[in-house]
Amino acid sequence: TKVFKFEMAHALYGYDGPCKNIHGHSY
């Protein structure tokens, strides 16, 4: 197994919660 770290922002179009807004995660 190899683990990779990266930063990414997204938004969930049409979602009914706060994740409809642009936000980021440390993946």
PDB file of all heavy atoms in Angstrom:
ATOM      1  N   THR A   1       0.841  -1.199   0.000  1.00  0.00           N
ATOM      2  CA  THR A   1       0.000   0.000   0.000  1.00  0.00           C
ATOM      3  C   THR A   1       0.874   1.247   0.000  1.00  0.00           C
ATOM      4  O   THR A   1       1.880   1.310   0.719  1.00  0.00           O
ATOM      5  CB  THR A   1      -0.916   0.022   1.241  1.00  0.00           C
ATOM      6  OG1 THR A   1      -1.730  -1.150   1.239  1.00  0.00           O
ATOM      7  CG2 THR A   1      -1.804   1.267   1.251  1.00  0.00           C
ATOM      8  N   LYS A   2       0.471   2.214  -0.787  1.00  0.00           N
ATOM      9  CA  LYS A   2       1.116   3.534  -0.805  1.00  0.00           C
ATOM     10  C   LYS A   2       0.033   4.564  -0.509  1.00  0.00           C
ATOM     11  O   LYS A   2      -1.084   4.459  -1.017  1.00  0.00           O
ATOM     12  CB  LYS A   2       1.739   3.795  -2.180  1.00  0.00           C
ATOM     13  CG  LYS A   2       2.466   5.094  -2.310  1.00  0.00           C
ATOM     14  CD  LYS A   2       3.897   4.972  -1.853  1.00  0.00           C
ATOM     15  CE  LYS A   2       4.598   6.317  -2.017  1.00  0.00           C
ATOM     16  NZ  LYS A   2       5.368   6.672  -0.854  1.00  0.00           N
ATOM     17  N   VAL A   3       0.355   5.547   0.328  1.00  0.00           N
ATOM     18  CA  VAL A   3      -0.592   6.582   0.728  1.00  0.00           C
ATOM     19  C   VAL A   3      -0.157   7.910   0.103  1.00  0.00           C
ATOM     20  O   VAL A   3       1.025   8.256   0.136  1.00  0.00           O
ATOM     21  CB  VAL A   3      -0.666   6.699   2.268  1.00  0.00           C
ATOM     22  CG1 VAL A   3      -1.639   7.799   2.678  1.00  0.00           C
ATOM     23  CG2 VAL A   3      -1.062   5.366   2.883  1.00  0.00           C
ATOM     24  N   PHE A   4      -1.140   8.631  -0.434  1.00  0.00           N
ATOM     25  CA  PHE A   4      -0.899   9.909  -1.094  1.00  0.00           C
ATOM     26  C   PHE A   4      -1.745  10.982  -0.434  1.00  0.00           C
ATOM     27  O   PHE A   4      -2.924  10.764  -0.170  1.00  0.00           O
ATOM     28  CB  PHE A   4      -1.275   9.816  -2.586  1.00  0.00           C
ATOM     29  CG  PHE A   4      -0.551   8.726  -3.301  1.00  0.00           C
ATOM     30  CD1 PHE A   4      -1.046   7.424  -3.292  1.00  0.00           C
ATOM     31  CD2 PHE A   4       0.637   8.981  -3.952  1.00  0.00           C
ATOM     32  CE1 PHE A   4      -0.363   6.404  -3.927  1.00  0.00           C
ATOM     33  CE2 PHE A   4       1.328   7.973  -4.594  1.00  0.00           C
ATOM     34  CZ  PHE A   4       0.821   6.674  -4.583  1.00  0.00           C
ATOM     35  N   LYS A   5      -1.168  12.131  -0.184  1.00  0.00           N
ATOM     36  CA  LYS A   5      -1.880  13.253   0.435  1.00  0.00           C
ATOM     37  C   LYS A   5      -2.029  14.368  -0.585  1.00  0.00           C
ATOM     38  O   LYS A   5      -1.093  14.654  -1.343  1.00  0.00           O
ATOM     39  CB  LYS A   5      -1.096  13.786   1.637  1.00  0.00           C
ATOM     40  CG  LYS A   5      -0.730  12.740   2.670  1.00  0.00           C
ATOM     41  CD  LYS A   5      -1.857  12.446   3.573  1.00  0.00           C
ATOM     42  CE  LYS A   5      -1.371  11.517   4.691  1.00  0.00           C
ATOM     43  NZ  LYS A   5      -2.367  11.233   5.646  1.00  0.00           N
ATOM     44  N   PHE A   6      -3.195  14.994  -0.607  1.00  0.00           N
ATOM     45  CA  PHE A   6      -3.391  16.149  -1.483  1.00  0.00           C
ATOM     46  C   PHE A   6      -4.535  17.001  -0.953  1.00  0.00           C
ATOM     47  O   PHE A   6      -5.354  16.551  -0.163  1.00  0.00           O
ATOM     48  CB  PHE A   6      -3.641  15.729  -2.943  1.00  0.00           C
ATOM     49  CG  PHE A   6      -4.878  14.897  -3.181  1.00  0.00           C
ATOM     50  CD1 PHE A   6      -6.022  15.462  -3.716  1.00  0.00           C
ATOM     51  CD2 PHE A   6      -4.891  13.537  -2.900  1.00  0.00           C
ATOM     52  CE1 PHE A   6      -7.165  14.701  -3.947  1.00  0.00           C
ATOM     53  CE2 PHE A   6      -6.015  12.766  -3.134  1.00  0.00           C
ATOM     54  CZ  PHE A   6      -7.156  13.346  -3.662  1.00  0.00           C
ATOM     55  N   GLU A   7      -4.533  18.247  -1.387  1.00  0.00           N
ATOM     56  CA  GLU A   7      -5.562  19.218  -1.001  1.00  0.00           C
ATOM     57  C   GLU A   7      -6.469  19.436  -2.201  1.00  0.00           C
ATOM     58  O   GLU A   7      -5.991  19.563  -3.323  1.00  0.00           O
ATOM     59  CB  GLU A   7      -4.927  20.548  -0.600  1.00  0.00           C
ATOM     60  CG  GLU A   7      -3.833  20.443   0.459  1.00  0.00           C
ATOM     61  CD  GLU A   7      -4.325  19.903   1.785  1.00  0.00           C
ATOM     62  OE1 GLU A   7      -5.456  20.258   2.188  1.00  0.00           O
ATOM     63  OE2 GLU A   7      -3.586  19.141   2.418  1.00  0.00           O
ATOM     64  N   MET A   8      -7.767  19.477  -1.956  1.00  0.00           N
ATOM     65  CA  MET A   8      -8.707  19.678  -3.057  1.00  0.00           C
ATOM     66  C   MET A   8      -9.968  20.355  -2.530  1.00  0.00           C
ATOM     67  O   MET A   8     -10.407  20.089  -1.419  1.00  0.00           O
ATOM     68  CB  MET A   8      -9.077  18.314  -3.668  1.00  0.00           C
ATOM     69  CG  MET A   8      -9.842  18.401  -4.970  1.00  0.00           C
ATOM     70  SD  MET A   8     -10.334  16.750  -5.549  1.00  0.00           S
ATOM     71  CE  MET A   8     -11.921  16.597  -4.708  1.00  0.00           C
ATOM     72  N   ALA A   9     -10.506  21.240  -3.342  1.00  0.00           N
ATOM     73  CA  ALA A   9     -11.779  21.880  -3.016  1.00  0.00           C
ATOM     74  C   ALA A   9     -12.840  21.348  -3.969  1.00  0.00           C
ATOM     75  O   ALA A   9     -12.539  20.931  -5.088  1.00  0.00           O
ATOM     76  CB  ALA A   9     -11.664  23.396  -3.153  1.00  0.00           C
ATOM     77  N   HIS A  10     -14.080  21.362  -3.511  1.00  0.00           N
ATOM     78  CA  HIS A  10     -15.184  20.951  -4.368  1.00  0.00           C
ATOM     79  C   HIS A  10     -16.463  21.599  -3.858  1.00  0.00           C
ATOM     80  O   HIS A  10     -16.497  22.225  -2.818  1.00  0.00           O
ATOM     81  CB  HIS A  10     -15.304  19.428  -4.463  1.00  0.00           C
ATOM     82  CG  HIS A  10     -15.719  18.747  -3.185  1.00  0.00           C
ATOM     83  ND1 HIS A  10     -16.274  17.491  -3.149  1.00  0.00           N
ATOM     84  CD2 HIS A  10     -15.662  19.129  -1.885  1.00  0.00           C
ATOM     85  CE1 HIS A  10     -16.528  17.131  -1.910  1.00  0.00           C
ATOM     86  NE2 HIS A  10     -16.162  18.108  -1.123  1.00  0.00           N
ATOM     87  N   ALA A  11     -17.496  21.443  -4.649  1.00  0.00           N
ATOM     88  CA  ALA A  11     -18.839  21.847  -4.258  1.00  0.00           C
ATOM     89  C   ALA A  11     -19.785  20.826  -4.850  1.00  0.00           C
ATOM     90  O   ALA A  11     -19.563  20.324  -5.956  1.00  0.00           O
ATOM     91  CB  ALA A  11     -19.162  23.247  -4.776  1.00  0.00           C
ATOM     92  N   LEU A  12     -20.825  20.483  -4.116  1.00  0.00           N
ATOM     93  CA  LEU A  12     -21.787  19.481  -4.580  1.00  0.00           C
ATOM     94  C   LEU A  12     -23.020  20.196  -5.117  1.00  0.00           C
ATOM     95  O   LEU A  12     -23.877  20.651  -4.358  1.00  0.00           O
ATOM     96  CB  LEU A  12     -22.143  18.519  -3.450  1.00  0.00           C
ATOM     97  CG  LEU A  12     -20.941  17.771  -2.846  1.00  0.00           C
ATOM     98  CD1 LEU A  12     -21.414  16.819  -1.758  1.00  0.00           C
ATOM     99  CD2 LEU A  12     -20.155  17.035  -3.920  1.00  0.00           C
ATOM    100  N   TYR A  13     -23.078  20.292  -6.422  1.00  0.00           N
ATOM    101  CA  TYR A  13     -24.153  21.003  -7.114  1.00  0.00           C
ATOM    102  C   TYR A  13     -25.509  20.361  -6.811  1.00  0.00           C
ATOM    103  O   TYR A  13     -25.687  19.155  -6.947  1.00  0.00           O
ATOM    104  CB  TYR A  13     -23.883  21.003  -8.615  1.00  0.00           C
ATOM    105  CG  TYR A  13     -24.985  21.632  -9.426  1.00  0.00           C
ATOM    106  CD1 TYR A  13     -25.375  22.949  -9.201  1.00  0.00           C
ATOM    107  CD2 TYR A  13     -25.619  20.923 -10.426  1.00  0.00           C
ATOM    108  CE1 TYR A  13     -26.370  23.535  -9.949  1.00  0.00           C
ATOM    109  CE2 TYR A  13     -26.624  21.500 -11.186  1.00  0.00           C
ATOM    110  CZ  TYR A  13     -26.999  22.800 -10.940  1.00  0.00           C
ATOM    111  OH  TYR A  13     -27.999  23.380 -11.677  1.00  0.00           O
ATOM    112  N   GLY A  14     -26.451  21.182  -6.342  1.00  0.00           N
ATOM    113  CA  GLY A  14     -27.800  20.711  -6.054  1.00  0.00           C
ATOM    114  C   GLY A  14     -27.957  20.020  -4.713  1.00  0.00           C
ATOM    115  O   GLY A  14     -29.060  19.609  -4.352  1.00  0.00           O
ATOM    116  N   TYR A  15     -26.885  19.903  -3.960  1.00  0.00           N
ATOM    117  CA  TYR A  15     -26.940  19.240  -2.655  1.00  0.00           C
ATOM    118  C   TYR A  15     -27.769  20.080  -1.691  1.00  0.00           C
ATOM    119  O   TYR A  15     -27.802  21.311  -1.780  1.00  0.00           O
ATOM    120  CB  TYR A  15     -25.516  19.042  -2.135  1.00  0.00           C
ATOM    121  CG  TYR A  15     -25.431  18.304  -0.825  1.00  0.00           C
ATOM    122  CD1 TYR A  15     -25.816  16.982  -0.710  1.00  0.00           C
ATOM    123  CD2 TYR A  15     -24.935  18.939   0.302  1.00  0.00           C
ATOM    124  CE1 TYR A  15     -25.719  16.304   0.498  1.00  0.00           C
ATOM    125  CE2 TYR A  15     -24.830  18.277   1.513  1.00  0.00           C
ATOM    126  CZ  TYR A  15     -25.229  16.959   1.599  1.00  0.00           C
ATOM    127  OH  TYR A  15     -25.140  16.291   2.803  1.00  0.00           O
ATOM    128  N   ASP A  16     -28.428  19.418  -0.732  1.00  0.00           N
ATOM    129  CA  ASP A  16     -29.323  20.113   0.194  1.00  0.00           C
ATOM    130  C   ASP A  16     -28.676  20.434   1.547  1.00  0.00           C
ATOM    131  O   ASP A  16     -29.360  20.596   2.548  1.00  0.00           O
ATOM    132  CB  ASP A  16     -30.600  19.295   0.400  1.00  0.00           C
ATOM    133  CG  ASP A  16     -30.337  17.924   0.998  1.00  0.00           C
ATOM    134  OD1 ASP A  16     -29.150  17.540   1.158  1.00  0.00           O
ATOM    135  OD2 ASP A  16     -31.314  17.216   1.291  1.00  0.00           O
ATOM    136  N   GLY A  17     -27.369  20.540   1.573  1.00  0.00           N
ATOM    137  CA  GLY A  17     -26.673  20.857   2.816  1.00  0.00           C
ATOM    138  C   GLY A  17     -25.520  21.809   2.545  1.00  0.00           C
ATOM    139  O   GLY A  17     -25.354  22.303   1.427  1.00  0.00           O
ATOM    140  N   PRO A  18     -24.702  22.060   3.553  1.00  0.00           N
ATOM    141  CA  PRO A  18     -23.637  23.046   3.409  1.00  0.00           C
ATOM    142  C   PRO A  18     -22.569  22.668   2.378  1.00  0.00           C
ATOM    143  O   PRO A  18     -21.846  23.539   1.904  1.00  0.00           O
ATOM    144  CB  PRO A  18     -23.037  23.155   4.817  1.00  0.00           C
ATOM    145  CG  PRO A  18     -23.501  21.957   5.549  1.00  0.00           C
ATOM    146  CD  PRO A  18     -24.780  21.515   4.913  1.00  0.00           C
ATOM    147  N   CYS A  19     -22.474  21.422   1.998  1.00  0.00           N
ATOM    148  CA  CYS A  19     -21.463  21.012   1.010  1.00  0.00           C
ATOM    149  C   CYS A  19     -21.806  21.475  -0.408  1.00  0.00           C
ATOM    150  O   CYS A  19     -21.049  21.229  -1.337  1.00  0.00           O
ATOM    151  CB  CYS A  19     -21.255  19.500   1.036  1.00  0.00           C
ATOM    152  SG  CYS A  19     -20.446  18.957   2.561  1.00  0.00           S
ATOM    153  N   LYS A  20     -22.937  22.180  -0.558  1.00  0.00           N
ATOM    154  CA  LYS A  20     -23.237  22.794  -1.857  1.00  0.00           C
ATOM    155  C   LYS A  20     -22.319  23.985  -2.095  1.00  0.00           C
ATOM    156  O   LYS A  20     -22.149  24.433  -3.220  1.00  0.00           O
ATOM    157  CB  LYS A  20     -24.701  23.212  -1.939  1.00  0.00           C
ATOM    158  CG  LYS A  20     -25.083  24.331  -0.974  1.00  0.00           C
ATOM    159  CD  LYS A  20     -26.559  24.630  -1.035  1.00  0.00           C
ATOM    160  CE  LYS A  20     -26.962  25.571   0.093  1.00  0.00           C
ATOM    161  NZ  LYS A  20     -28.402  25.619   0.262  1.00  0.00           N
ATOM    162  N   ASN A  21     -21.711  24.497  -1.030  1.00  0.00           N
ATOM    163  CA  ASN A  21     -20.785  25.621  -1.124  1.00  0.00           C
ATOM    164  C   ASN A  21     -19.368  25.107  -1.383  1.00  0.00           C
ATOM    165  O   ASN A  21     -19.003  23.997  -0.978  1.00  0.00           O
ATOM    166  CB  ASN A  21     -20.794  26.425   0.172  1.00  0.00           C
ATOM    167  CG  ASN A  21     -22.168  26.989   0.465  1.00  0.00           C
ATOM    168  OD1 ASN A  21     -22.730  27.692  -0.358  1.00  0.00           O
ATOM    169  ND2 ASN A  21     -22.711  26.640   1.618  1.00  0.00           N
ATOM    170  N   ILE A  22     -18.567  25.927  -2.024  1.00  0.00           N
ATOM    171  CA  ILE A  22     -17.175  25.553  -2.253  1.00  0.00           C
ATOM    172  C   ILE A  22     -16.475  25.431  -0.905  1.00  0.00           C
ATOM    173  O   ILE A  22     -16.559  26.314  -0.061  1.00  0.00           O
ATOM    174  CB  ILE A  22     -16.468  26.601  -3.131  1.00  0.00           C
ATOM    175  CG1 ILE A  22     -17.085  26.620  -4.533  1.00  0.00           C
ATOM    176  CG2 ILE A  22     -14.964  26.318  -3.200  1.00  0.00           C
ATOM    177  CD1 ILE A  22     -16.579  27.745  -5.417  1.00  0.00           C
ATOM    178  N   HIS A  23     -15.808  24.300  -0.722  1.00  0.00           N
ATOM    179  CA  HIS A  23     -15.071  24.038   0.508  1.00  0.00           C
ATOM    180  C   HIS A  23     -13.960  23.044   0.176  1.00  0.00           C
ATOM    181  O   HIS A  23     -13.987  22.401  -0.863  1.00  0.00           O
ATOM    182  CB  HIS A  23     -15.997  23.479   1.603  1.00  0.00           C
ATOM    183  CG  HIS A  23     -16.608  22.166   1.241  1.00  0.00           C
ATOM    184  ND1 HIS A  23     -17.632  22.036   0.306  1.00  0.00           N
ATOM    185  CD2 HIS A  23     -16.334  20.917   1.671  1.00  0.00           C
ATOM    186  CE1 HIS A  23     -17.956  20.762   0.193  1.00  0.00           C
ATOM    187  NE2 HIS A  23     -17.183  20.054   1.006  1.00  0.00           N
ATOM    188  N   GLY A  24     -12.990  22.925   1.052  1.00  0.00           N
ATOM    189  CA  GLY A  24     -11.861  22.064   0.772  1.00  0.00           C
ATOM    190  C   GLY A  24     -11.617  21.024   1.836  1.00  0.00           C
ATOM    191  O   GLY A  24     -12.141  21.101   2.946  1.00  0.00           O
ATOM    192  N   HIS A  25     -10.815  20.033   1.440  1.00  0.00           N
ATOM    193  CA  HIS A  25     -10.435  18.941   2.340  1.00  0.00           C
ATOM    194  C   HIS A  25      -8.960  18.620   2.145  1.00  0.00           C
ATOM    195  O   HIS A  25      -8.402  18.846   1.074  1.00  0.00           O
ATOM    196  CB  HIS A  25     -11.231  17.666   2.032  1.00  0.00           C
ATOM    197  CG  HIS A  25     -12.700  17.794   2.184  1.00  0.00           C
ATOM    198  ND1 HIS A  25     -13.332  17.821   3.399  1.00  0.00           N
ATOM    199  CD2 HIS A  25     -13.682  17.895   1.252  1.00  0.00           C
ATOM    200  CE1 HIS A  25     -14.642  17.921   3.221  1.00  0.00           C
ATOM    201  NE2 HIS A  25     -14.877  17.977   1.910  1.00  0.00           N
ATOM    202  N   SER A  26      -8.372  18.047   3.166  1.00  0.00           N
ATOM    203  CA  SER A  26      -7.052  17.439   3.056  1.00  0.00           C
ATOM    204  C   SER A  26      -7.285  15.953   2.850  1.00  0.00           C
ATOM    205  O   SER A  26      -7.629  15.234   3.783  1.00  0.00           O
ATOM    206  CB  SER A  26      -6.237  17.677   4.335  1.00  0.00           C
ATOM    207  OG  SER A  26      -5.975  19.046   4.493  1.00  0.00           O
ATOM    208  N   TYR A  27      -7.157  15.517   1.600  1.00  0.00           N
ATOM    209  CA  TYR A  27      -7.463  14.135   1.234  1.00  0.00           C
ATOM    210  C   TYR A  27      -6.270  13.221   1.459  1.00  0.00           C
ATOM    211  O   TYR A  27      -5.117  13.638   1.396  1.00  0.00           O
ATOM    212  CB  TYR A  27      -7.857  14.054  -0.245  1.00  0.00           C
ATOM    213  CG  TYR A  27      -9.235  14.572  -0.553  1.00  0.00           C
ATOM    214  CD1 TYR A  27      -9.439  15.916  -0.849  1.00  0.00           C
ATOM    215  CD2 TYR A  27     -10.329  13.727  -0.564  1.00  0.00           C
ATOM    216  CE1 TYR A  27     -10.701  16.404  -1.148  1.00  0.00           C
ATOM    217  CE2 TYR A  27     -11.599  14.199  -0.862  1.00  0.00           C
ATOM    218  CZ  TYR A  27     -11.775  15.535  -1.148  1.00  0.00           C
ATOM    219  OH  TYR A  27     -13.028  16.015  -1.440  1.00  0.00           O
TER     220      TYR A  27
END
